Amino acid sequence: MENKLKEGLGAAKESIGGLFGNEKMKSEGAADKAAAQTAASRDQAKENAENLKNQASDKAEAFKNNAAETAENAKAKAYDSVPSGNSN
């Protein structure tokens, strides 16, 4: 939200500078607007990276749980297939 405000202020400053022929103000406004857009993009990239990290962690945990369950099932099946030793 803060970046949108700064972007708007930069755009306003750029427009006012253009309206009054003040190249310095126009350039400063354009720079302020670009800096706010860059900050917003950076923040979005950080959020996307965090989301990807969480998704990868969730998938790894599910894979780990599935592997443990598969191992337990194989172990139980192996025990069930061994003769009991009572040959009466």
C-alpha atoms as a PDB file:
ATOM      1  CA  MET A   1       0.000   0.000   0.000  1.00  0.00           C
ATOM      2  CA  GLU A   2       2.838   2.368   0.867  1.00  0.00           C
ATOM      3  CA  ASN A   3       4.422   1.742  -2.556  1.00  0.00           C
ATOM      4  CA  LYS A   4       1.163   2.631  -4.334  1.00  0.00           C
ATOM      5  CA  LEU A   5       1.025   5.915  -2.432  1.00  0.00           C
ATOM      6  CA  LYS A   6       4.629   6.720  -3.317  1.00  0.00           C
ATOM      7  CA  GLU A   7       3.994   5.752  -6.924  1.00  0.00           C
ATOM      8  CA  GLY A   8       0.983   8.075  -7.045  1.00  0.00           C
ATOM      9  CA  LEU A   9       2.914  10.940  -5.485  1.00  0.00           C
ATOM     10  CA  GLY A  10       5.744  10.397  -7.967  1.00  0.00           C
ATOM     11  CA  ALA A  11       3.294  10.421 -10.868  1.00  0.00           C
ATOM     12  CA  ALA A  12       1.682  13.603  -9.550  1.00  0.00           C
ATOM     13  CA  LYS A  13       5.064  15.275  -9.151  1.00  0.00           C
ATOM     14  CA  GLU A  14       6.004  14.181 -12.666  1.00  0.00           C
ATOM     15  CA  SER A  15       2.746  15.589 -14.077  1.00  0.00           C
ATOM     16  CA  ILE A  16       3.072  18.895 -12.229  1.00  0.00           C
ATOM     17  CA  GLY A  17       6.666  19.229 -13.403  1.00  0.00           C
ATOM     18  CA  GLY A  18       5.542  18.598 -16.975  1.00  0.00           C
ATOM     19  CA  LEU A  19       2.638  20.996 -16.657  1.00  0.00           C
ATOM     20  CA  PHE A  20       4.866  23.854 -15.465  1.00  0.00           C
ATOM     21  CA  GLY A  21       7.856  22.974 -17.629  1.00  0.00           C
ATOM     22  CA  ASN A  22       9.984  22.119 -14.579  1.00  0.00           C
ATOM     23  CA  GLU A  23      12.213  19.337 -15.918  1.00  0.00           C
ATOM     24  CA  LYS A  24      13.867  18.757 -12.549  1.00  0.00           C
ATOM     25  CA  MET A  25      10.522  18.164 -10.815  1.00  0.00           C
ATOM     26  CA  LYS A  26       9.332  16.026 -13.718  1.00  0.00           C
ATOM     27  CA  SER A  27      12.485  13.880 -13.544  1.00  0.00           C
ATOM     28  CA  GLU A  28      12.292  13.565  -9.764  1.00  0.00           C
ATOM     29  CA  GLY A  29       8.662  12.489 -10.042  1.00  0.00           C
ATOM     30  CA  ALA A  30       9.514   9.888 -12.663  1.00  0.00           C
ATOM     31  CA  ALA A  31      12.339   8.603 -10.460  1.00  0.00           C
ATOM     32  CA  ASP A  32      10.077   8.459  -7.391  1.00  0.00           C
ATOM     33  CA  LYS A  33       7.446   6.587  -9.378  1.00  0.00           C
ATOM     34  CA  ALA A  34      10.005   4.110 -10.766  1.00  0.00           C
ATOM     35  CA  ALA A  35      11.483   3.527  -7.295  1.00  0.00           C
ATOM     36  CA  ALA A  36       8.033   2.778  -5.883  1.00  0.00           C
ATOM     37  CA  GLN A  37       7.267   0.376  -8.734  1.00  0.00           C
ATOM     38  CA  THR A  38      10.603  -1.366  -8.192  1.00  0.00           C
ATOM     39  CA  ALA A  39       9.940  -1.681  -4.461  1.00  0.00           C
ATOM     40  CA  ALA A  40       6.488  -3.119  -5.165  1.00  0.00           C
ATOM     41  CA  SER A  41       7.984  -5.652  -7.589  1.00  0.00           C
ATOM     42  CA  ARG A  42      10.629  -6.592  -5.031  1.00  0.00           C
ATOM     43  CA  ASP A  43       7.998  -7.072  -2.332  1.00  0.00           C
ATOM     44  CA  GLN A  44       5.902  -9.237  -4.660  1.00  0.00           C
ATOM     45  CA  ALA A  45       8.947 -11.334  -5.577  1.00  0.00           C
ATOM     46  CA  LYS A  46       9.731 -11.871  -1.888  1.00  0.00           C
ATOM     47  CA  GLU A  47       6.156 -12.936  -1.233  1.00  0.00           C
ATOM     48  CA  ASN A  48       6.205 -15.311  -4.226  1.00  0.00           C
ATOM     49  CA  ALA A  49       9.497 -16.833  -3.040  1.00  0.00           C
ATOM     50  CA  GLU A  50       8.067 -17.379   0.445  1.00  0.00           C
ATOM     51  CA  ASN A  51       4.967 -19.032  -1.040  1.00  0.00           C
ATOM     52  CA  LEU A  52       7.110 -21.325  -3.201  1.00  0.00           C
ATOM     53  CA  LYS A  53       9.243 -22.231  -0.200  1.00  0.00           C
ATOM     54  CA  ASN A  54       6.149 -23.133   1.799  1.00  0.00           C
ATOM     55  CA  GLN A  55       4.722 -25.206  -1.053  1.00  0.00           C
ATOM     56  CA  ALA A  56       8.003 -27.080  -1.461  1.00  0.00           C
ATOM     57  CA  SER A  57       8.165 -27.722   2.266  1.00  0.00           C
ATOM     58  CA  ASP A  58       4.591 -29.024   2.296  1.00  0.00           C
ATOM     59  CA  LYS A  59       5.283 -31.331  -0.652  1.00  0.00           C
ATOM     60  CA  ALA A  60       8.490 -32.619   0.937  1.00  0.00           C
ATOM     61  CA  GLU A  61       6.631 -33.359   4.169  1.00  0.00           C
ATOM     62  CA  ALA A  62       3.888 -35.209   2.278  1.00  0.00           C
ATOM     63  CA  PHE A  63       6.496 -37.188   0.334  1.00  0.00           C
ATOM     64  CA  LYS A  64       8.292 -38.074   3.566  1.00  0.00           C
ATOM     65  CA  ASN A  65       5.053 -39.227   5.179  1.00  0.00           C
ATOM     66  CA  ASN A  66       4.114 -41.262   2.112  1.00  0.00           C
ATOM     67  CA  ALA A  67       7.553 -42.897   2.036  1.00  0.00           C
ATOM     68  CA  ALA A  68       7.310 -43.799   5.727  1.00  0.00           C
ATOM     69  CA  GLU A  69       3.850 -45.285   5.223  1.00  0.00           C
ATOM     70  CA  THR A  70       5.043 -47.270   2.199  1.00  0.00           C
ATOM     71  CA  ALA A  71       7.999 -48.600   4.182  1.00  0.00           C
ATOM     72  CA  GLU A  72       5.733 -49.643   7.059  1.00  0.00           C
ATOM     73  CA  ASN A  73       3.376 -51.405   4.644  1.00  0.00           C
ATOM     74  CA  ALA A  74       6.270 -53.254   2.997  1.00  0.00           C
ATOM     75  CA  LYS A  75       7.630 -54.252   6.396  1.00  0.00           C
ATOM     76  CA  ALA A  76       4.245 -55.591   7.504  1.00  0.00           C
ATOM     77  CA  LYS A  77       3.817 -57.482   4.246  1.00  0.00           C
ATOM     78  CA  ALA A  78       7.277 -59.015   4.624  1.00  0.00           C
ATOM     79  CA  TYR A  79       6.527 -60.128   8.201  1.00  0.00           C
ATOM     80  CA  ASP A  80       3.207 -61.582   7.085  1.00  0.00           C
ATOM     81  CA  SER A  81       4.882 -63.646   4.367  1.00  0.00           C
ATOM     82  CA  VAL A  82       7.383 -65.334   6.729  1.00  0.00           C
ATOM     83  CA  PRO A  83       6.230 -68.781   7.889  1.00  0.00           C
ATOM     84  CA  SER A  84       5.449 -68.898  11.612  1.00  0.00           C
ATOM     85  CA  GLY A  85       7.638 -71.879  12.477  1.00  0.00           C
ATOM     86  CA  ASN A  86       4.775 -74.023  13.828  1.00  0.00           C
ATOM     87  CA  SER A  87       4.791 -77.040  11.518  1.00  0.00           C
ATOM     88  CA  ASN A  88       2.263 -79.227  13.335  1.00  0.00           C
END
